[in-house]
């Protein structure tokens, strides 16, 4: 968890992440999900591993939004606004920072509501 948060902070420096850094943000999130929840996040598509029911609904929603946004940058050349980049950063931080210990669930409402 600490490594993922440190990696996120390095992306956040100098008013980041920039749109071109969103795929790196998604990679950090995928690696964290794989390590922390033992999800095959680097070997499956987002719908395949998010549907494993190991994430709370709020976590799954945040993961879907971040990874979908990153995919739009990576594969479609979409350039999200600074606000959208900051939202994806906030969502990623929330999933990682508020993740419970393996095998435990987060109580409902622990992540900020999605806007």
N, C-alpha and C. Protein backbone atom coordinates (compact mmCIF):
# COMPACT_ATOMS: atom_id res chain seq x y z
N UNK A 1 0.83 -1.19 0.00
CA UNK A 1 0.00 0.00 0.00
C UNK A 1 0.87 1.26 0.00
N UNK A 2 1.91 1.26 0.83
CA UNK A 2 2.76 2.43 0.92
C UNK A 2 3.47 2.72 -0.40
N UNK A 3 3.90 1.66 -1.06
CA UNK A 3 4.58 1.82 -2.36
C UNK A 3 3.64 2.45 -3.38
N UNK A 4 2.41 1.96 -3.44
CA UNK A 4 1.43 2.51 -4.38
C UNK A 4 1.15 3.97 -4.10
N UNK A 5 1.00 4.32 -2.82
CA UNK A 5 0.74 5.72 -2.47
C UNK A 5 1.93 6.60 -2.82
N UNK A 6 3.15 6.10 -2.61
CA UNK A 6 4.35 6.86 -2.99
C UNK A 6 4.41 7.07 -4.49
N UNK A 7 4.08 6.03 -5.26
CA UNK A 7 4.07 6.15 -6.72
C UNK A 7 3.03 7.16 -7.18
N UNK A 8 1.89 7.18 -6.52
CA UNK A 8 0.84 8.14 -6.86
C UNK A 8 1.31 9.56 -6.56
N UNK A 9 1.96 9.73 -5.43
CA UNK A 9 2.44 11.06 -5.06
C UNK A 9 3.47 11.57 -6.07
N UNK A 10 4.29 10.68 -6.61
CA UNK A 10 5.26 11.13 -7.62
C UNK A 10 4.54 11.60 -8.88
N UNK A 11 3.42 10.99 -9.23
CA UNK A 11 2.63 11.45 -10.38
C UNK A 11 1.93 12.78 -10.07
N UNK A 12 1.58 12.99 -8.81
CA UNK A 12 0.82 14.18 -8.42
C UNK A 12 1.70 15.43 -8.34
N UNK A 13 3.01 15.27 -8.31
CA UNK A 13 3.89 16.44 -8.24
C UNK A 13 3.67 17.34 -9.45
N UNK A 14 3.90 18.61 -9.23
CA UNK A 14 3.80 19.60 -10.31
C UNK A 14 2.42 19.59 -10.98
N UNK A 15 1.40 19.57 -10.15
CA UNK A 15 0.01 19.63 -10.61
C UNK A 15 -0.39 18.45 -11.48
N UNK A 16 0.21 17.30 -11.25
CA UNK A 16 -0.13 16.09 -12.01
C UNK A 16 -1.32 15.39 -11.38
N UNK A 17 -1.79 14.36 -11.96
CA UNK A 17 -1.23 13.76 -13.17
C UNK A 17 -1.72 14.49 -14.41
N UNK A 18 -0.84 14.52 -15.41
CA UNK A 18 -1.23 15.03 -16.73
C UNK A 18 -1.96 13.90 -17.46
N UNK A 19 -2.71 14.23 -18.50
CA UNK A 19 -3.42 13.17 -19.22
C UNK A 19 -2.52 12.03 -19.68
N UNK A 20 -1.31 12.35 -20.13
CA UNK A 20 -0.42 11.29 -20.60
C UNK A 20 0.10 10.40 -19.48
N UNK A 21 -0.12 10.81 -18.22
CA UNK A 21 0.30 10.00 -17.08
C UNK A 21 -0.81 9.09 -16.55
N UNK A 22 -2.01 9.21 -17.09
CA UNK A 22 -3.12 8.39 -16.59
C UNK A 22 -2.91 6.90 -16.81
N UNK A 23 -2.32 6.46 -17.91
CA UNK A 23 -2.03 5.02 -18.01
C UNK A 23 -1.09 4.54 -16.89
N UNK A 24 -0.14 5.36 -16.48
CA UNK A 24 0.74 4.99 -15.37
C UNK A 24 -0.05 4.92 -14.06
N UNK A 25 -1.00 5.83 -13.89
CA UNK A 25 -1.86 5.80 -12.70
C UNK A 25 -2.67 4.50 -12.68
N UNK A 26 -3.20 4.13 -13.84
CA UNK A 26 -3.96 2.88 -13.94
C UNK A 26 -3.07 1.67 -13.64
N UNK A 27 -1.83 1.71 -14.09
CA UNK A 27 -0.90 0.60 -13.79
C UNK A 27 -0.66 0.48 -12.30
N UNK A 28 -0.49 1.60 -11.62
CA UNK A 28 -0.30 1.59 -10.17
C UNK A 28 -1.50 0.95 -9.50
N UNK A 29 -2.70 1.35 -9.93
CA UNK A 29 -3.92 0.81 -9.36
C UNK A 29 -4.04 -0.69 -9.63
N UNK A 30 -3.78 -1.10 -10.84
CA UNK A 30 -3.86 -2.53 -11.18
C UNK A 30 -2.87 -3.36 -10.34
N UNK A 31 -1.64 -2.89 -10.22
CA UNK A 31 -0.64 -3.62 -9.42
C UNK A 31 -1.06 -3.70 -7.96
N UNK A 32 -1.61 -2.59 -7.44
CA UNK A 32 -2.09 -2.61 -6.06
C UNK A 32 -3.21 -3.62 -5.88
N UNK A 33 -4.17 -3.62 -6.79
CA UNK A 33 -5.30 -4.55 -6.68
C UNK A 33 -4.81 -5.99 -6.73
N UNK A 34 -3.84 -6.24 -7.57
CA UNK A 34 -3.30 -7.59 -7.69
C UNK A 34 -2.58 -8.00 -6.40
N UNK A 35 -1.76 -7.11 -5.86
CA UNK A 35 -1.00 -7.43 -4.65
C UNK A 35 -1.89 -7.50 -3.41
N UNK A 36 -2.76 -6.52 -3.27
CA UNK A 36 -3.54 -6.40 -2.04
C UNK A 36 -4.74 -7.35 -1.98
N UNK A 37 -5.46 -7.46 -3.07
CA UNK A 37 -6.67 -8.27 -3.09
C UNK A 37 -6.51 -9.59 -3.82
N UNK A 38 -5.30 -9.84 -4.33
CA UNK A 38 -5.03 -11.05 -5.11
C UNK A 38 -5.98 -11.16 -6.31
N UNK A 39 -6.29 -10.03 -6.92
CA UNK A 39 -7.09 -10.00 -8.14
C UNK A 39 -6.16 -10.09 -9.34
N UNK A 40 -6.55 -10.76 -10.39
CA UNK A 40 -5.69 -10.85 -11.59
C UNK A 40 -5.80 -9.57 -12.43
N UNK A 41 -5.56 -8.44 -11.82
CA UNK A 41 -5.82 -7.14 -12.43
C UNK A 41 -4.89 -6.80 -13.59
N UNK A 42 -3.72 -7.41 -13.65
CA UNK A 42 -2.82 -7.14 -14.77
C UNK A 42 -2.95 -8.18 -15.87
N UNK A 43 -3.78 -9.19 -15.63
CA UNK A 43 -3.92 -10.27 -16.61
C UNK A 43 -5.33 -10.41 -17.17
N UNK A 44 -6.22 -9.56 -16.74
CA UNK A 44 -7.61 -9.61 -17.21
C UNK A 44 -8.09 -8.20 -17.55
N UNK A 45 -9.20 -8.15 -18.28
CA UNK A 45 -9.83 -6.86 -18.57
C UNK A 45 -10.52 -6.36 -17.31
N UNK A 46 -10.80 -5.09 -17.29
CA UNK A 46 -11.46 -4.50 -16.12
C UNK A 46 -12.76 -5.22 -15.76
N UNK A 47 -13.69 -5.45 -16.70
CA UNK A 47 -14.93 -6.14 -16.32
C UNK A 47 -14.70 -7.54 -15.76
N UNK A 48 -13.67 -8.22 -16.24
CA UNK A 48 -13.41 -9.58 -15.76
C UNK A 48 -12.99 -9.60 -14.29
N UNK A 49 -12.07 -8.71 -13.89
CA UNK A 49 -11.62 -8.80 -12.51
C UNK A 49 -12.45 -7.97 -11.54
N UNK A 50 -13.08 -6.90 -12.02
CA UNK A 50 -13.93 -6.11 -11.11
C UNK A 50 -15.19 -6.90 -10.76
N UNK A 51 -15.61 -7.80 -11.62
CA UNK A 51 -16.78 -8.61 -11.36
C UNK A 51 -16.55 -9.77 -10.41
N UNK A 52 -15.34 -9.89 -9.83
CA UNK A 52 -15.03 -11.00 -8.92
C UNK A 52 -15.63 -10.83 -7.53
N UNK A 53 -16.32 -9.75 -7.27
CA UNK A 53 -16.98 -9.48 -5.98
C UNK A 53 -16.02 -9.40 -4.80
N UNK A 54 -14.75 -9.13 -5.04
CA UNK A 54 -13.81 -8.94 -3.93
C UNK A 54 -13.72 -7.48 -3.53
N UNK A 55 -14.26 -6.59 -4.34
CA UNK A 55 -14.26 -5.17 -4.05
C UNK A 55 -15.64 -4.74 -3.59
N UNK A 56 -15.66 -3.80 -2.68
CA UNK A 56 -16.93 -3.21 -2.28
C UNK A 56 -17.47 -2.43 -3.47
N UNK A 57 -18.79 -2.23 -3.57
CA UNK A 57 -19.35 -1.53 -4.72
C UNK A 57 -18.72 -0.16 -4.98
N UNK A 58 -18.43 0.61 -3.93
CA UNK A 58 -17.81 1.93 -4.11
C UNK A 58 -16.41 1.80 -4.68
N UNK A 59 -15.67 0.78 -4.22
CA UNK A 59 -14.33 0.55 -4.75
C UNK A 59 -14.41 0.16 -6.22
N UNK A 60 -15.31 -0.75 -6.54
CA UNK A 60 -15.45 -1.22 -7.91
C UNK A 60 -15.82 -0.07 -8.85
N UNK A 61 -16.71 0.81 -8.41
CA UNK A 61 -17.09 1.96 -9.22
C UNK A 61 -15.89 2.86 -9.49
N UNK A 62 -15.11 3.13 -8.44
CA UNK A 62 -13.93 3.98 -8.59
C UNK A 62 -12.91 3.33 -9.53
N UNK A 63 -12.69 2.04 -9.37
CA UNK A 63 -11.74 1.32 -10.24
C UNK A 63 -12.20 1.39 -11.69
N UNK A 64 -13.47 1.15 -11.92
CA UNK A 64 -14.00 1.20 -13.30
C UNK A 64 -13.78 2.57 -13.93
N UNK A 65 -14.07 3.64 -13.17
CA UNK A 65 -13.92 5.00 -13.70
C UNK A 65 -12.46 5.32 -14.03
N UNK A 66 -11.56 4.98 -13.14
CA UNK A 66 -10.14 5.28 -13.37
C UNK A 66 -9.61 4.49 -14.56
N UNK A 67 -9.90 3.20 -14.60
CA UNK A 67 -9.36 2.38 -15.69
C UNK A 67 -10.00 2.72 -17.03
N UNK A 68 -11.28 3.04 -17.04
CA UNK A 68 -11.94 3.44 -18.29
C UNK A 68 -11.36 4.77 -18.79
N UNK A 69 -11.14 5.71 -17.88
CA UNK A 69 -10.54 6.98 -18.27
C UNK A 69 -9.14 6.81 -18.83
N UNK A 70 -8.38 5.94 -18.20
CA UNK A 70 -7.04 5.66 -18.68
C UNK A 70 -7.06 5.00 -20.06
N UNK A 71 -7.99 4.09 -20.26
CA UNK A 71 -8.11 3.42 -21.55
C UNK A 71 -8.44 4.42 -22.67
N UNK A 72 -9.28 5.40 -22.36
CA UNK A 72 -9.61 6.41 -23.36
C UNK A 72 -8.38 7.21 -23.77
N UNK A 73 -7.51 7.50 -22.81
CA UNK A 73 -6.27 8.21 -23.11
C UNK A 73 -5.35 7.31 -23.94
N UNK A 74 -5.18 6.10 -23.46
CA UNK A 74 -4.21 5.18 -24.06
C UNK A 74 -4.61 4.71 -25.46
N UNK A 75 -5.88 4.40 -25.65
CA UNK A 75 -6.30 3.77 -26.90
C UNK A 75 -7.06 4.69 -27.85
N UNK A 76 -7.69 5.73 -27.32
CA UNK A 76 -8.49 6.61 -28.18
C UNK A 76 -7.90 8.01 -28.31
N UNK A 77 -6.83 8.29 -27.57
CA UNK A 77 -6.20 9.59 -27.67
C UNK A 77 -7.00 10.72 -27.05
N UNK A 78 -7.96 10.38 -26.18
CA UNK A 78 -8.76 11.39 -25.50
C UNK A 78 -7.88 12.09 -24.47
N UNK A 79 -8.00 13.41 -24.37
CA UNK A 79 -7.24 14.17 -23.38
C UNK A 79 -8.21 14.76 -22.36
N UNK A 80 -8.32 14.13 -21.19
CA UNK A 80 -9.23 14.64 -20.16
C UNK A 80 -8.74 15.97 -19.60
N UNK A 81 -9.66 16.70 -19.03
CA UNK A 81 -9.34 18.00 -18.43
C UNK A 81 -8.53 17.80 -17.16
N UNK A 82 -7.98 18.89 -16.67
CA UNK A 82 -7.23 18.84 -15.40
C UNK A 82 -8.14 18.37 -14.27
N UNK A 83 -9.38 18.81 -14.27
CA UNK A 83 -10.34 18.40 -13.24
C UNK A 83 -10.58 16.89 -13.30
N UNK A 84 -10.74 16.36 -14.52
CA UNK A 84 -10.95 14.92 -14.67
C UNK A 84 -9.72 14.13 -14.22
N UNK A 85 -8.54 14.63 -14.53
CA UNK A 85 -7.30 13.97 -14.09
C UNK A 85 -7.21 13.97 -12.57
N UNK A 86 -7.55 15.10 -11.95
CA UNK A 86 -7.51 15.18 -10.49
C UNK A 86 -8.56 14.26 -9.86
N UNK A 87 -9.71 14.12 -10.50
CA UNK A 87 -10.74 13.21 -10.00
C UNK A 87 -10.23 11.77 -10.04
N UNK A 88 -9.58 11.39 -11.13
CA UNK A 88 -9.04 10.03 -11.22
C UNK A 88 -7.95 9.80 -10.17
N UNK A 89 -7.14 10.83 -9.92
CA UNK A 89 -6.12 10.73 -8.88
C UNK A 89 -6.78 10.54 -7.51
N UNK A 90 -7.80 11.33 -7.23
CA UNK A 90 -8.51 11.23 -5.94
C UNK A 90 -9.14 9.87 -5.76
N UNK A 91 -9.76 9.36 -6.81
CA UNK A 91 -10.40 8.05 -6.72
C UNK A 91 -9.37 6.95 -6.48
N UNK A 92 -8.25 7.03 -7.17
CA UNK A 92 -7.20 6.02 -7.00
C UNK A 92 -6.64 6.07 -5.59
N UNK A 93 -6.35 7.27 -5.11
CA UNK A 93 -5.88 7.42 -3.72
C UNK A 93 -6.88 6.82 -2.75
N UNK A 94 -8.16 7.09 -2.99
CA UNK A 94 -9.19 6.59 -2.09
C UNK A 94 -9.24 5.08 -2.04
N UNK A 95 -9.18 4.43 -3.18
CA UNK A 95 -9.20 2.97 -3.22
C UNK A 95 -8.01 2.40 -2.46
N UNK A 96 -6.83 2.97 -2.70
CA UNK A 96 -5.61 2.44 -2.09
C UNK A 96 -5.53 2.78 -0.61
N UNK A 97 -5.74 4.04 -0.28
CA UNK A 97 -5.59 4.47 1.11
C UNK A 97 -6.61 3.85 2.04
N UNK A 98 -7.80 3.59 1.54
CA UNK A 98 -8.85 3.08 2.40
C UNK A 98 -9.08 1.59 2.26
N UNK A 99 -8.19 0.93 1.54
CA UNK A 99 -8.34 -0.52 1.40
C UNK A 99 -8.13 -1.19 2.75
N UNK A 100 -8.92 -2.20 2.98
CA UNK A 100 -8.80 -2.94 4.23
C UNK A 100 -7.69 -3.97 4.10
N UNK A 101 -7.40 -4.63 5.19
CA UNK A 101 -6.44 -5.73 5.16
C UNK A 101 -7.03 -6.87 4.34
N UNK A 102 -6.18 -7.69 3.70
CA UNK A 102 -6.71 -8.80 2.90
C UNK A 102 -7.68 -9.65 3.69
N UNK A 103 -8.79 -9.98 3.05
CA UNK A 103 -9.79 -10.83 3.67
C UNK A 103 -10.82 -10.07 4.48
N UNK A 104 -10.64 -8.77 4.66
CA UNK A 104 -11.60 -7.97 5.40
C UNK A 104 -12.29 -7.03 4.43
N UNK A 105 -13.51 -6.68 4.75
CA UNK A 105 -14.26 -5.76 3.89
C UNK A 105 -14.28 -4.38 4.50
N UNK A 106 -14.38 -3.38 3.64
CA UNK A 106 -14.60 -2.02 4.10
C UNK A 106 -16.07 -1.84 4.45
N UNK A 107 -16.36 -1.13 5.51
CA UNK A 107 -17.76 -0.82 5.78
C UNK A 107 -18.30 0.07 4.67
N UNK A 108 -19.59 -0.06 4.34
CA UNK A 108 -20.17 0.79 3.31
C UNK A 108 -19.95 2.26 3.64
N UNK A 109 -19.74 3.07 2.61
CA UNK A 109 -19.59 4.51 2.78
C UNK A 109 -18.19 4.98 3.10
N UNK A 110 -17.19 4.10 3.06
CA UNK A 110 -15.84 4.49 3.42
C UNK A 110 -15.14 5.32 2.34
N UNK A 111 -15.50 5.14 1.09
CA UNK A 111 -14.93 5.96 0.03
C UNK A 111 -15.82 7.16 -0.20
N UNK A 112 -15.21 8.26 -0.66
CA UNK A 112 -16.01 9.42 -0.99
C UNK A 112 -17.01 9.07 -2.08
N UNK A 113 -18.22 9.61 -2.03
CA UNK A 113 -19.18 9.32 -3.10
C UNK A 113 -18.64 9.80 -4.44
N UNK A 114 -18.95 9.07 -5.49
CA UNK A 114 -18.54 9.47 -6.82
C UNK A 114 -19.40 10.62 -7.26
N UNK A 115 -18.78 11.59 -7.89
CA UNK A 115 -19.53 12.77 -8.36
C UNK A 115 -19.63 12.74 -9.85
